[in-house]
Amino acid sequence: MSRRVLFSVLAIFVILAAAAAALVLTSRPPIDQAADAVDARWSPLATALDVRYDALQLETVAVRDALGDDRQILRDIEATLKRWDGRSSGDGDAGTVIANRLEGLSSRLTSVVAASPRLRAAEPVGDAARAFEDAAPRSKQTAYNAAVDNYEDERSKLPRRLVAGLLGFSPRHTLELAS
């Protein structure tokens, strides 16, 4: 191989390495900033969700007492509430996954209550359901979801999407509160 070809290949390799380094160096700060914004929104949201899920626990107890027996939905809620404990200070994305599960289970519980004349007539069940609904942190959810959307936008822009995963920036989930 001639020196000129070897030099050209080496020059191309150096240029590609420099471009890759520049891509990594310029991609990290905006994604980091967006991730920090998500984390900052998680803490107040998780604290409000602690209150909401305490109300869900009370609703679960009220439904069990009104039915006089146990149902799978009640066991599922309790098991997921155990997974939630301590999430307000931990990993926001893992907490969001658990919170979304709890919100889905609460919707199922609402359907169970709506379908049962005995549960609809039970005052403690109605009171607990209202307390759960009143504890919905809608404004905090909106702020958190906006931060997650911004993070996902930053993470998925070209050329950042090429290195985001390599830099440890994984997808984040939004929170969907039951209505």
Foldseek 3Di string as FASTA:
>chain_A
DDPVVVVVVVVVVVVVVVVVVVLVVVLPPVLVVLVVQLVVLLLVQLVLVVQLLVLVLQLLVLVCVLVVHDDPLSVQLVVLVVVLPPCSPHDRQVNQVSLQVNQVSVVVVVVVLVVDPSSVPRPSNVVSNVSSVVSDPVVSLVSSQVSLVSSVVSCPDPPNVVCCVVVPNDHGDRHDHHD
